[in-house]
Each structure stands twice: as C-alpha cells, then as structure tokens.
Protein backbone atom coordinates (compact mmCIF):
# COMPACT_ATOMS: atom_id res chain seq x y z
CA UNK A 1 3.66 -9.84 2.00
CA UNK A 2 6.23 -9.36 -0.60
CA UNK A 3 9.59 -8.13 0.85
CA UNK A 4 10.19 -5.71 -2.08
CA UNK A 5 6.70 -4.22 -1.68
CA UNK A 6 7.18 -3.91 2.14
CA UNK A 7 10.57 -2.18 1.79
CA UNK A 8 9.21 0.27 -0.86
CA UNK A 9 6.17 0.92 1.26
CA UNK A 10 8.27 1.73 4.24
CA UNK A 11 10.13 4.34 2.18
CA UNK A 12 6.98 6.33 1.65
CA UNK A 13 5.89 8.96 4.17
CA UNK A 14 2.81 8.40 6.22
CA UNK A 15 0.83 10.90 4.02
CA UNK A 16 1.92 9.14 0.96
CA UNK A 17 0.89 5.81 2.43
CA UNK A 18 -2.64 7.22 3.35
CA UNK A 19 -3.00 8.63 -0.23
CA UNK A 20 -2.33 5.25 -1.79
CA UNK A 21 -4.73 3.53 0.54
CA UNK A 22 -7.41 6.04 -0.26
CA UNK A 23 -6.83 5.56 -3.94
CA UNK A 24 -7.45 1.86 -3.60
CA UNK A 25 -10.71 2.55 -1.77
CA UNK A 26 -11.69 5.04 -4.32
CA UNK A 27 -11.02 2.47 -7.17
CA UNK A 28 -13.29 -0.02 -5.24
CA UNK A 29 -16.12 2.43 -4.78
CA UNK A 30 -16.04 3.55 -8.38
CA UNK A 31 -15.67 0.15 -9.79
CA UNK A 32 -19.15 -1.12 -10.93
CA UNK A 33 -18.04 -4.20 -12.81
CA UNK A 34 -16.82 -7.48 -11.52
CA UNK A 35 -17.34 -8.06 -7.80
CA UNK A 36 -14.07 -9.97 -7.54
CA UNK A 37 -12.19 -6.97 -8.91
CA UNK A 38 -13.84 -4.72 -6.39
CA UNK A 39 -12.93 -7.04 -3.59
CA UNK A 40 -9.30 -7.08 -4.85
CA UNK A 41 -9.11 -3.25 -4.52
CA UNK A 42 -10.39 -3.50 -1.02
CA UNK A 43 -8.03 -6.31 -0.07
CA UNK A 44 -5.16 -4.22 -1.43
CA UNK A 45 -6.29 -1.25 0.64
CA UNK A 46 -6.43 -3.36 3.73
CA UNK A 47 -2.97 -4.92 3.02
CA UNK A 48 -1.60 -1.32 2.63
CA UNK A 49 -3.20 -0.43 5.91
CA UNK A 50 -1.63 -3.30 7.67
CA UNK A 51 1.88 -2.31 6.28
CA UNK A 52 1.32 1.21 7.45
CA UNK A 53 0.66 0.00 11.00
CA UNK A 54 3.73 -2.20 10.91
CA UNK A 55 6.00 0.52 9.54
CA UNK A 56 8.38 1.38 12.29
CA UNK A 57 8.39 5.16 11.62
CA UNK A 58 4.58 5.22 12.14
CA UNK A 59 4.58 3.56 15.56
CA UNK A 60 4.29 6.83 17.40
CA UNK A 61 1.23 8.10 15.43
CA UNK A 62 -0.72 4.94 14.60
CA UNK A 63 -2.24 2.66 17.24
CA UNK A 64 -0.99 -0.92 17.15
C-alpha cells in the first residue's frame, strides 16, 4: 500500500475511516455500469478495511 495513503489514513479517526469504507461500498452497490469498475470500488473498500485494522490507534477496538 502507498506510504502516503497509509499515513493519511492513519490520521483519520476510526469513525472517519468507517465512513470512507462505507462510501466505497455504497459506490459499488449503486454502480450499474462496468463490472471492473464495481470491483475496483469493492477492492478499495477492502484495502481501507485492512488499513483500519493495521492502524495502531484502532488495535484496542478492532480485532486483529
């Protein structure tokens, strides 16, 4: 994962991270066009979820 993205992601609070993940899922659900584009939204949501789990400040509230 991109170091700049990781650092900026870690600066977000857990609720902000969850909203961003939810927005990517919502985009995927609403996107009726290209299947590759829909998959890209879901991949991004999964990548964000993984970053949230790796975020040191979330270790006490999210399972590893």
